[in-house]
Amino acid sequence: MENILAKIKSRIIFQLFVIFIRYALGTAFVWASILKIKGIRFEPESGETAPINSISHLLEAIYRSGFYWNFIGWGQLIAGFLLMSQIFSTLGAIVYFPIILSIFILTTSFGASFFWILTSSMLFANICLLLWDWNKLKFIFLSNPGIYIDQSTSFSKLKVWSFLGILIFLFIIIYRIITT
């Protein structure tokens, strides 16, 4: 598996795709986090009167919890930043995983078809990022992982990707704060 990943990682098109996925997943979480941190509902109207088994009712219940709503927001903001920074992207993918997995399970449980498509795509992309960093993560999961080989190329290590990620992160935060 590592040899296949090393060959894939050597191609610039795949490196750009992974960088793009990190930006896209990070952007989605940062975008959603600002509402939660500011204590604003995810949906424009209250889901209080929605059927008890609906996603709207669930979101309303989580929103009304207050602290938990903010906690999810901060978790999403941190995970999004770590992914977008490119430097801490492996940690970001690890932090991102349980959050998106729980969101995926909730959307599946409540039969929210549009959200299910979105969250399953995000979960799949996150798993791909974790596989991309398998050479780093194998030390956590394998009892005899072998030696560490840095498979990053000079292209993916360019500082421009980190600066661009941080600029996108800051732009989203400023824009979201101003417009909400």
N, C-alpha and C. Protein backbone atom coordinates (compact mmCIF):
# COMPACT_ATOMS: atom_id res chain seq x y z
N MET A 1 0.82 -1.19 0.00
CA MET A 1 0.00 0.00 0.00
C MET A 1 0.87 1.26 0.00
N GLU A 2 1.94 1.22 0.78
CA GLU A 2 2.79 2.40 0.87
C GLU A 2 3.46 2.72 -0.46
N ASN A 3 3.82 1.70 -1.22
CA ASN A 3 4.44 1.93 -2.53
C ASN A 3 3.46 2.58 -3.50
N ILE A 4 2.20 2.13 -3.45
CA ILE A 4 1.17 2.72 -4.30
C ILE A 4 0.95 4.17 -3.91
N LEU A 5 0.85 4.44 -2.59
CA LEU A 5 0.67 5.82 -2.12
C LEU A 5 1.86 6.70 -2.51
N ALA A 6 3.06 6.16 -2.42
CA ALA A 6 4.25 6.94 -2.78
C ALA A 6 4.21 7.32 -4.26
N LYS A 7 3.78 6.42 -5.12
CA LYS A 7 3.67 6.72 -6.55
C LYS A 7 2.61 7.78 -6.80
N ILE A 8 1.49 7.64 -6.12
CA ILE A 8 0.41 8.62 -6.28
C ILE A 8 0.87 9.99 -5.77
N LYS A 9 1.55 10.00 -4.63
CA LYS A 9 2.00 11.26 -4.03
C LYS A 9 3.05 11.97 -4.88
N SER A 10 3.71 11.26 -5.74
CA SER A 10 4.74 11.88 -6.57
C SER A 10 4.14 12.68 -7.73
N ARG A 11 2.87 12.50 -8.01
CA ARG A 11 2.21 13.21 -9.11
C ARG A 11 1.66 14.54 -8.62
N ILE A 12 2.02 15.61 -9.29
CA ILE A 12 1.60 16.96 -8.88
C ILE A 12 0.08 17.11 -8.91
N ILE A 13 -0.59 16.49 -9.84
CA ILE A 13 -2.04 16.61 -9.92
C ILE A 13 -2.71 16.09 -8.66
N PHE A 14 -2.21 15.00 -8.11
CA PHE A 14 -2.77 14.46 -6.87
C PHE A 14 -2.41 15.33 -5.67
N GLN A 15 -1.23 15.90 -5.68
CA GLN A 15 -0.84 16.80 -4.60
C GLN A 15 -1.76 18.03 -4.59
N LEU A 16 -2.02 18.58 -5.78
CA LEU A 16 -2.93 19.73 -5.87
C LEU A 16 -4.34 19.34 -5.43
N PHE A 17 -4.77 18.16 -5.80
CA PHE A 17 -6.10 17.70 -5.41
C PHE A 17 -6.22 17.57 -3.90
N VAL A 18 -5.21 17.03 -3.25
CA VAL A 18 -5.22 16.89 -1.79
C VAL A 18 -5.21 18.27 -1.12
N ILE A 19 -4.40 19.17 -1.63
CA ILE A 19 -4.39 20.54 -1.09
C ILE A 19 -5.77 21.16 -1.23
N PHE A 20 -6.40 20.98 -2.40
CA PHE A 20 -7.74 21.50 -2.63
C PHE A 20 -8.75 20.88 -1.66
N ILE A 21 -8.67 19.56 -1.45
CA ILE A 21 -9.59 18.89 -0.52
C ILE A 21 -9.43 19.46 0.89
N ARG A 22 -8.19 19.69 1.30
CA ARG A 22 -7.96 20.28 2.63
C ARG A 22 -8.60 21.66 2.72
N TYR A 23 -8.43 22.47 1.69
CA TYR A 23 -9.06 23.80 1.69
C TYR A 23 -10.59 23.67 1.70
N ALA A 24 -11.13 22.77 0.89
CA ALA A 24 -12.59 22.64 0.79
C ALA A 24 -13.21 22.15 2.10
N LEU A 25 -12.64 21.10 2.67
CA LEU A 25 -13.17 20.59 3.94
C LEU A 25 -13.00 21.61 5.06
N GLY A 26 -11.84 22.25 5.09
CA GLY A 26 -11.59 23.28 6.10
C GLY A 26 -12.57 24.44 5.95
N THR A 27 -12.79 24.87 4.71
CA THR A 27 -13.72 25.98 4.46
C THR A 27 -15.13 25.64 4.94
N ALA A 28 -15.57 24.43 4.66
CA ALA A 28 -16.93 24.02 5.07
C ALA A 28 -17.08 24.09 6.59
N PHE A 29 -16.07 23.61 7.31
CA PHE A 29 -16.15 23.63 8.77
C PHE A 29 -16.01 25.04 9.33
N VAL A 30 -15.10 25.82 8.80
CA VAL A 30 -14.93 27.19 9.30
C VAL A 30 -16.20 27.99 9.04
N TRP A 31 -16.77 27.83 7.85
CA TRP A 31 -18.00 28.54 7.47
C TRP A 31 -19.12 28.23 8.47
N ALA A 32 -19.30 26.95 8.79
CA ALA A 32 -20.37 26.54 9.69
C ALA A 32 -20.05 26.89 11.15
N SER A 33 -18.78 26.94 11.50
CA SER A 33 -18.39 27.16 12.90
C SER A 33 -18.74 28.56 13.40
N ILE A 34 -18.64 29.52 12.54
CA ILE A 34 -18.86 30.91 12.97
C ILE A 34 -20.28 31.09 13.52
N LEU A 35 -21.26 30.50 12.86
CA LEU A 35 -22.65 30.59 13.36
C LEU A 35 -22.75 29.98 14.76
N LYS A 36 -22.13 28.83 14.93
CA LYS A 36 -22.23 28.15 16.22
C LYS A 36 -21.50 28.93 17.31
N ILE A 37 -20.35 29.47 16.99
CA ILE A 37 -19.59 30.24 17.98
C ILE A 37 -20.34 31.51 18.36
N LYS A 38 -21.01 32.12 17.38
CA LYS A 38 -21.79 33.33 17.66
C LYS A 38 -23.15 33.02 18.28
N GLY A 39 -23.49 31.74 18.38
CA GLY A 39 -24.77 31.35 18.98
C GLY A 39 -25.95 31.57 18.06
N ILE A 40 -25.76 31.38 16.77
CA ILE A 40 -26.82 31.57 15.77
C ILE A 40 -27.28 30.20 15.28
N ARG A 41 -28.58 30.08 15.05
CA ARG A 41 -29.16 28.84 14.52
C ARG A 41 -28.55 28.48 13.18
N PHE A 42 -28.47 27.17 12.90
CA PHE A 42 -27.99 26.69 11.60
C PHE A 42 -29.05 26.90 10.53
N GLU A 43 -30.29 26.64 10.90
CA GLU A 43 -31.41 26.87 9.99
C GLU A 43 -32.04 28.21 10.32
N PRO A 44 -32.57 28.91 9.32
CA PRO A 44 -33.11 30.26 9.58
C PRO A 44 -34.30 30.29 10.54
N GLU A 45 -35.07 29.20 10.58
CA GLU A 45 -36.25 29.19 11.44
C GLU A 45 -36.11 28.10 12.50
N SER A 46 -36.78 28.29 13.59
CA SER A 46 -36.74 27.32 14.68
C SER A 46 -37.32 25.98 14.23
N GLY A 47 -36.68 24.92 14.67
CA GLY A 47 -37.18 23.58 14.39
C GLY A 47 -37.95 23.01 15.57
N GLU A 48 -38.33 23.89 16.49
CA GLU A 48 -39.01 23.47 17.71
C GLU A 48 -40.32 22.74 17.43
N THR A 49 -41.06 23.21 16.43
CA THR A 49 -42.36 22.60 16.13
C THR A 49 -42.25 21.51 15.06
N ALA A 50 -41.06 21.28 14.56
CA ALA A 50 -40.86 20.22 13.56
C ALA A 50 -41.06 18.86 14.23
N PRO A 51 -41.37 17.84 13.45
CA PRO A 51 -41.53 16.49 14.04
C PRO A 51 -40.28 16.09 14.82
N ILE A 52 -40.49 15.37 15.91
CA ILE A 52 -39.42 15.01 16.83
C ILE A 52 -38.32 14.19 16.15
N ASN A 53 -38.66 13.47 15.09
CA ASN A 53 -37.67 12.63 14.42
C ASN A 53 -37.07 13.31 13.18
N SER A 54 -37.13 14.64 13.12
CA SER A 54 -36.60 15.35 11.97
C SER A 54 -35.25 15.98 12.29
N ILE A 55 -34.47 16.22 11.27
CA ILE A 55 -33.15 16.85 11.43
C ILE A 55 -33.32 18.28 11.96
N SER A 56 -34.40 18.95 11.56
CA SER A 56 -34.64 20.32 12.04
C SER A 56 -34.83 20.34 13.55
N HIS A 57 -35.57 19.38 14.07
CA HIS A 57 -35.79 19.31 15.51
C HIS A 57 -34.48 19.02 16.25
N LEU A 58 -33.69 18.10 15.69
CA LEU A 58 -32.39 17.79 16.29
C LEU A 58 -31.49 19.02 16.33
N LEU A 59 -31.39 19.73 15.21
CA LEU A 59 -30.54 20.94 15.16
C LEU A 59 -31.03 21.99 16.17
N GLU A 60 -32.34 22.09 16.32
CA GLU A 60 -32.88 23.04 17.30
C GLU A 60 -32.50 22.63 18.71
N ALA A 61 -32.57 21.34 19.00
CA ALA A 61 -32.20 20.86 20.34
C ALA A 61 -30.72 21.12 20.62
N ILE A 62 -29.87 20.85 19.65
CA ILE A 62 -28.43 21.10 19.84
C ILE A 62 -28.18 22.60 19.99
N TYR A 63 -28.86 23.40 19.18
CA TYR A 63 -28.72 24.86 19.27
C TYR A 63 -29.13 25.35 20.65
N ARG A 64 -30.22 24.82 21.18
CA ARG A 64 -30.71 25.27 22.48
C ARG A 64 -29.83 24.82 23.64
N SER A 65 -28.95 23.86 23.39
CA SER A 65 -28.05 23.42 24.46
C SER A 65 -27.06 24.52 24.84
N GLY A 66 -26.82 25.45 23.93
CA GLY A 66 -25.93 26.57 24.22
C GLY A 66 -24.47 26.17 24.19
N PHE A 67 -23.98 25.68 25.31
CA PHE A 67 -22.56 25.35 25.43
C PHE A 67 -22.13 24.32 24.39
N TYR A 68 -22.93 23.27 24.20
CA TYR A 68 -22.57 22.22 23.25
C TYR A 68 -22.54 22.77 21.83
N TRP A 69 -23.45 23.66 21.50
CA TRP A 69 -23.49 24.32 20.18
C TRP A 69 -22.19 25.08 19.96
N ASN A 70 -21.76 25.84 20.97
CA ASN A 70 -20.49 26.57 20.88
C ASN A 70 -19.30 25.62 20.81
N PHE A 71 -19.35 24.55 21.58
CA PHE A 71 -18.28 23.56 21.60
C PHE A 71 -18.07 22.95 20.21
N ILE A 72 -19.17 22.58 19.57
CA ILE A 72 -19.09 22.03 18.21
C ILE A 72 -18.47 23.07 17.28
N GLY A 73 -18.90 24.32 17.43
CA GLY A 73 -18.36 25.39 16.59
C GLY A 73 -16.86 25.56 16.76
N TRP A 74 -16.39 25.56 17.99
CA TRP A 74 -14.94 25.69 18.22
C TRP A 74 -14.18 24.49 17.68
N GLY A 75 -14.75 23.30 17.84
CA GLY A 75 -14.12 22.10 17.29
C GLY A 75 -14.01 22.17 15.77
N GLN A 76 -15.07 22.63 15.13
CA GLN A 76 -15.05 22.76 13.67
C GLN A 76 -14.04 23.83 13.24
N LEU A 77 -13.98 24.93 13.97
CA LEU A 77 -13.04 26.00 13.63
C LEU A 77 -11.59 25.51 13.74
N ILE A 78 -11.29 24.81 14.81
CA ILE A 78 -9.92 24.30 15.02
C ILE A 78 -9.57 23.28 13.95
N ALA A 79 -10.47 22.33 13.70
CA ALA A 79 -10.22 21.30 12.68
C ALA A 79 -10.03 21.94 11.31
N GLY A 80 -10.88 22.91 10.99
CA GLY A 80 -10.77 23.60 9.71
C GLY A 80 -9.46 24.34 9.56
N PHE A 81 -9.05 25.04 10.61
CA PHE A 81 -7.78 25.76 10.57
C PHE A 81 -6.60 24.81 10.38
N LEU A 82 -6.59 23.72 11.15
CA LEU A 82 -5.49 22.76 11.05
C LEU A 82 -5.39 22.18 9.65
N LEU A 83 -6.52 21.85 9.05
CA LEU A 83 -6.51 21.33 7.68
C LEU A 83 -6.00 22.37 6.69
N MET A 84 -6.51 23.57 6.79
CA MET A 84 -6.18 24.62 5.83
C MET A 84 -4.75 25.11 5.97
N SER A 85 -4.16 24.93 7.15
CA SER A 85 -2.79 25.40 7.36
C SER A 85 -1.78 24.62 6.54
N GLN A 86 -2.14 23.44 6.11
CA GLN A 86 -1.28 22.50 5.38
C GLN A 86 -0.15 21.96 6.26
N ILE A 87 0.38 22.76 7.14
CA ILE A 87 1.47 22.31 8.01
C ILE A 87 0.96 21.29 9.02
N PHE A 88 -0.21 21.55 9.58
CA PHE A 88 -0.81 20.66 10.58
C PHE A 88 -1.97 19.86 10.01
N SER A 89 -1.93 19.61 8.71
CA SER A 89 -3.07 18.97 8.04
C SER A 89 -3.33 17.55 8.50
N THR A 90 -2.30 16.81 8.88
CA THR A 90 -2.52 15.45 9.38
C THR A 90 -3.31 15.51 10.68
N LEU A 91 -2.90 16.36 11.58
CA LEU A 91 -3.63 16.55 12.83
C LEU A 91 -5.04 17.04 12.54
N GLY A 92 -5.18 17.94 11.58
CA GLY A 92 -6.49 18.43 11.20
C GLY A 92 -7.40 17.32 10.70
N ALA A 93 -6.86 16.41 9.90
CA ALA A 93 -7.66 15.29 9.39
C ALA A 93 -8.08 14.36 10.53
N ILE A 94 -7.20 14.20 11.52
CA ILE A 94 -7.53 13.37 12.68
C ILE A 94 -8.63 14.02 13.51
N VAL A 95 -8.52 15.31 13.76
CA VAL A 95 -9.53 16.05 14.54
C VAL A 95 -10.85 16.10 13.78
N TYR A 96 -10.77 16.26 12.47
CA TYR A 96 -11.95 16.38 11.61
C TYR A 96 -12.78 15.10 11.61
N PHE A 97 -12.09 13.95 11.67
CA PHE A 97 -12.76 12.66 11.49
C PHE A 97 -13.91 12.40 12.46
N PRO A 98 -13.71 12.48 13.78
CA PRO A 98 -14.85 12.17 14.67
C PRO A 98 -15.99 13.18 14.54
N ILE A 99 -15.66 14.41 14.20
CA ILE A 99 -16.72 15.42 14.05
C ILE A 99 -17.58 15.10 12.84
N ILE A 100 -16.93 14.86 11.69
CA ILE A 100 -17.71 14.59 10.48
C ILE A 100 -18.38 13.22 10.55
N LEU A 101 -17.76 12.27 11.23
CA LEU A 101 -18.39 10.96 11.41
C LEU A 101 -19.69 11.09 12.21
N SER A 102 -19.66 11.86 13.29
CA SER A 102 -20.88 12.03 14.09
C SER A 102 -21.94 12.80 13.31
N ILE A 103 -21.54 13.79 12.53
CA ILE A 103 -22.51 14.52 11.70
C ILE A 103 -23.10 13.58 10.66
N PHE A 104 -22.26 12.75 10.05
CA PHE A 104 -22.74 11.78 9.07
C PHE A 104 -23.74 10.80 9.69
N ILE A 105 -23.43 10.30 10.87
CA ILE A 105 -24.34 9.36 11.54
C ILE A 105 -25.67 10.02 11.85
N LEU A 106 -25.63 11.27 12.30
CA LEU A 106 -26.87 11.99 12.60
C LEU A 106 -27.71 12.20 11.34
N THR A 107 -27.06 12.63 10.25
CA THR A 107 -27.83 12.86 9.02
C THR A 107 -28.38 11.56 8.46
N THR A 108 -27.65 10.47 8.63
CA THR A 108 -28.14 9.16 8.20
C THR A 108 -29.31 8.72 9.07
N SER A 109 -29.18 8.89 10.38
CA SER A 109 -30.22 8.48 11.31
C SER A 109 -31.53 9.22 11.10
N PHE A 110 -31.43 10.48 10.71
CA PHE A 110 -32.63 11.29 10.55
C PHE A 110 -33.11 11.36 9.10
N GLY A 111 -32.46 10.63 8.22
CA GLY A 111 -32.92 10.55 6.84
C GLY A 111 -32.89 11.86 6.09
N ALA A 112 -31.93 12.70 6.40
CA ALA A 112 -31.80 13.98 5.70
C ALA A 112 -31.02 13.75 4.41
N SER A 113 -31.73 13.50 3.31
CA SER A 113 -31.09 13.02 2.07
C SER A 113 -30.05 13.99 1.53
N PHE A 114 -30.36 15.27 1.43
CA PHE A 114 -29.37 16.22 0.91
C PHE A 114 -28.14 16.28 1.81
N PHE A 115 -28.38 16.39 3.11
CA PHE A 115 -27.27 16.45 4.05
C PHE A 115 -26.49 15.14 4.05
N TRP A 116 -27.18 14.01 3.84
CA TRP A 116 -26.51 12.73 3.81
C TRP A 116 -25.51 12.67 2.66
N ILE A 117 -25.90 13.16 1.50
CA ILE A 117 -24.99 13.18 0.34
C ILE A 117 -23.79 14.06 0.65
N LEU A 118 -24.05 15.21 1.21
CA LEU A 118 -22.98 16.15 1.55
C LEU A 118 -22.04 15.58 2.61
N THR A 119 -22.61 15.08 3.70
CA THR A 119 -21.76 14.59 4.78
C THR A 119 -21.04 13.29 4.41
N SER A 120 -21.65 12.44 3.61
CA SER A 120 -20.95 11.23 3.19
C SER A 120 -19.78 11.58 2.27
N SER A 121 -19.94 12.60 1.44
CA SER A 121 -18.83 13.05 0.59
C SER A 121 -17.71 13.63 1.44
N MET A 122 -18.07 14.40 2.45
CA MET A 122 -17.06 14.99 3.33
C MET A 122 -16.33 13.91 4.13
N LEU A 123 -17.08 12.90 4.60
CA LEU A 123 -16.48 11.80 5.33
C LEU A 123 -15.52 11.02 4.43
N PHE A 124 -15.94 10.73 3.21
CA PHE A 124 -15.09 10.01 2.26
C PHE A 124 -13.81 10.81 1.97
N ALA A 125 -13.95 12.11 1.75
CA ALA A 125 -12.78 12.95 1.48
C ALA A 125 -11.83 12.96 2.67
N ASN A 126 -12.39 13.00 3.88
CA ASN A 126 -11.56 12.97 5.07
C ASN A 126 -10.81 11.65 5.21
N ILE A 127 -11.48 10.55 4.90
CA ILE A 127 -10.82 9.25 4.94
C ILE A 127 -9.69 9.20 3.91
N CYS A 128 -9.92 9.79 2.75
CA CYS A 128 -8.85 9.86 1.73
C CYS A 128 -7.66 10.65 2.26
N LEU A 129 -7.90 11.73 2.99
CA LEU A 129 -6.80 12.50 3.57
C LEU A 129 -6.05 11.69 4.61
N LEU A 130 -6.78 10.91 5.40
CA LEU A 130 -6.12 10.06 6.39
C LEU A 130 -5.27 8.99 5.70
N LEU A 131 -5.77 8.43 4.61
CA LEU A 131 -4.98 7.46 3.85
C LEU A 131 -3.75 8.12 3.21
N TRP A 132 -3.92 9.35 2.75
CA TRP A 132 -2.81 10.11 2.16
C TRP A 132 -1.65 10.22 3.16
N ASP A 133 -1.99 10.36 4.43
CA ASP A 133 -0.98 10.51 5.49
C ASP A 133 -0.71 9.21 6.23
N TRP A 134 -1.00 8.08 5.59
CA TRP A 134 -0.81 6.78 6.22
C TRP A 134 0.62 6.59 6.71
N ASN A 135 1.61 7.09 5.96
CA ASN A 135 3.01 6.91 6.36
C ASN A 135 3.29 7.54 7.73
N LYS A 136 2.49 8.52 8.12
CA LYS A 136 2.63 9.14 9.44
C LYS A 136 1.76 8.44 10.48
N LEU A 137 0.58 8.01 10.05
CA LEU A 137 -0.41 7.46 10.98
C LEU A 137 -0.18 5.99 11.31
N LYS A 138 0.57 5.29 10.49
CA LYS A 138 0.77 3.86 10.71
C LYS A 138 1.42 3.57 12.06
N PHE A 139 2.13 4.53 12.61
CA PHE A 139 2.79 4.34 13.90
C PHE A 139 1.78 4.27 15.05
N ILE A 140 0.61 4.78 14.82
CA ILE A 140 -0.45 4.71 15.83
C ILE A 140 -1.15 3.36 15.78
N PHE A 141 -1.31 2.81 14.59
CA PHE A 141 -2.15 1.62 14.41
C PHE A 141 -1.41 0.30 14.32
N LEU A 142 -0.17 0.31 13.89
CA LEU A 142 0.57 -0.94 13.69
C LEU A 142 1.58 -1.18 14.80
N SER A 143 1.69 -2.44 15.22
CA SER A 143 2.66 -2.76 16.27
C SER A 143 4.09 -2.76 15.72
N ASN A 144 4.26 -3.06 14.44
CA ASN A 144 5.57 -3.03 13.81
C ASN A 144 5.48 -2.22 12.52
N PRO A 145 5.46 -0.88 12.64
CA PRO A 145 5.19 -0.05 11.47
C PRO A 145 6.36 0.11 10.50
N GLY A 146 7.53 -0.34 10.88
CA GLY A 146 8.68 -0.13 10.01
C GLY A 146 9.27 1.25 10.22
N ILE A 147 9.98 1.73 9.22
CA ILE A 147 10.62 3.04 9.34
C ILE A 147 9.74 4.11 8.71
N TYR A 148 9.97 5.33 9.16
CA TYR A 148 9.23 6.45 8.60
C TYR A 148 9.94 6.96 7.36
N ILE A 149 9.20 7.10 6.29
CA ILE A 149 9.73 7.67 5.06
C ILE A 149 8.88 8.88 4.73
N ASP A 150 9.52 10.03 4.66
CA ASP A 150 8.80 11.26 4.32
C ASP A 150 8.46 11.22 2.84
N GLN A 151 7.17 11.11 2.54
CA GLN A 151 6.74 11.02 1.15
C GLN A 151 6.28 12.35 0.59
N SER A 152 6.46 13.42 1.35
CA SER A 152 6.07 14.73 0.86
C SER A 152 7.07 15.20 -0.19
N THR A 153 6.55 15.82 -1.20
CA THR A 153 7.42 16.35 -2.24
C THR A 153 7.66 17.83 -2.00
N SER A 154 8.66 18.35 -2.66
CA SER A 154 8.98 19.77 -2.48
C SER A 154 7.81 20.65 -2.93
N PHE A 155 7.04 20.20 -3.93
CA PHE A 155 5.90 20.98 -4.41
C PHE A 155 4.85 21.14 -3.32
N SER A 156 4.49 20.05 -2.67
CA SER A 156 3.44 20.13 -1.64
C SER A 156 3.94 20.80 -0.37
N LYS A 157 5.25 20.92 -0.21
CA LYS A 157 5.81 21.58 0.97
C LYS A 157 6.02 23.09 0.77
N LEU A 158 5.69 23.60 -0.40
CA LEU A 158 5.87 25.03 -0.65
C LEU A 158 5.08 25.85 0.36
N LYS A 159 5.70 26.88 0.89
CA LYS A 159 5.07 27.72 1.91
C LYS A 159 3.83 28.44 1.36
N VAL A 160 3.74 28.61 0.06
CA VAL A 160 2.61 29.31 -0.52
C VAL A 160 1.29 28.63 -0.16
N TRP A 161 1.29 27.29 -0.04
CA TRP A 161 0.06 26.58 0.29
C TRP A 161 -0.39 26.89 1.72
N SER A 162 0.56 27.05 2.62
CA SER A 162 0.22 27.42 4.00
C SER A 162 -0.30 28.86 4.05
N PHE A 163 0.41 29.76 3.39
CA PHE A 163 -0.02 31.16 3.38
C PHE A 163 -1.40 31.31 2.75
N LEU A 164 -1.62 30.61 1.66
CA LEU A 164 -2.92 30.67 1.00
C LEU A 164 -4.02 30.11 1.90
N GLY A 165 -3.75 28.99 2.56
CA GLY A 165 -4.73 28.41 3.48
C GLY A 165 -5.08 29.34 4.62
N ILE A 166 -4.08 29.99 5.19
CA ILE A 166 -4.33 30.92 6.30
C ILE A 166 -5.09 32.15 5.80
N LEU A 167 -4.76 32.63 4.60
CA LEU A 167 -5.50 33.76 4.02
C LEU A 167 -6.97 33.40 3.78
N ILE A 168 -7.22 32.23 3.24
CA ILE A 168 -8.60 31.78 3.02
C ILE A 168 -9.33 31.67 4.36
N PHE A 169 -8.66 31.09 5.34
CA PHE A 169 -9.22 30.95 6.69
C PHE A 169 -9.63 32.32 7.24
N LEU A 170 -8.71 33.28 7.19
CA LEU A 170 -9.00 34.62 7.72
C LEU A 170 -10.10 35.31 6.93
N PHE A 171 -10.09 35.16 5.61
CA PHE A 171 -11.12 35.77 4.78
C PHE A 171 -12.50 35.23 5.16
N ILE A 172 -12.60 33.93 5.32
CA ILE A 172 -13.89 33.31 5.68
C ILE A 172 -14.38 33.83 7.02
N ILE A 173 -13.48 33.89 7.99
CA ILE A 173 -13.88 34.37 9.32
C ILE A 173 -14.36 35.81 9.25
N ILE A 174 -13.59 36.67 8.61
CA ILE A 174 -13.96 38.09 8.53
C ILE A 174 -15.27 38.25 7.77
N TYR A 175 -15.39 37.57 6.64
CA TYR A 175 -16.61 37.67 5.85
C TYR A 175 -17.83 37.16 6.62
N ARG A 176 -17.66 36.04 7.29
CA ARG A 176 -18.76 35.43 8.05
C ARG A 176 -19.19 36.29 9.23
N ILE A 177 -18.21 36.88 9.90
CA ILE A 177 -18.53 37.75 11.04
C ILE A 177 -19.28 38.99 10.57
N ILE A 178 -18.83 39.55 9.48
CA ILE A 178 -19.47 40.77 8.95
C ILE A 178 -20.88 40.49 8.45
N THR A 179 -21.09 39.35 7.80
CA THR A 179 -22.39 39.08 7.16
C THR A 179 -23.41 38.36 8.04
N THR A 180 -23.03 37.94 9.25
CA THR A 180 -24.03 37.27 10.09
C THR A 180 -24.38 38.11 11.29
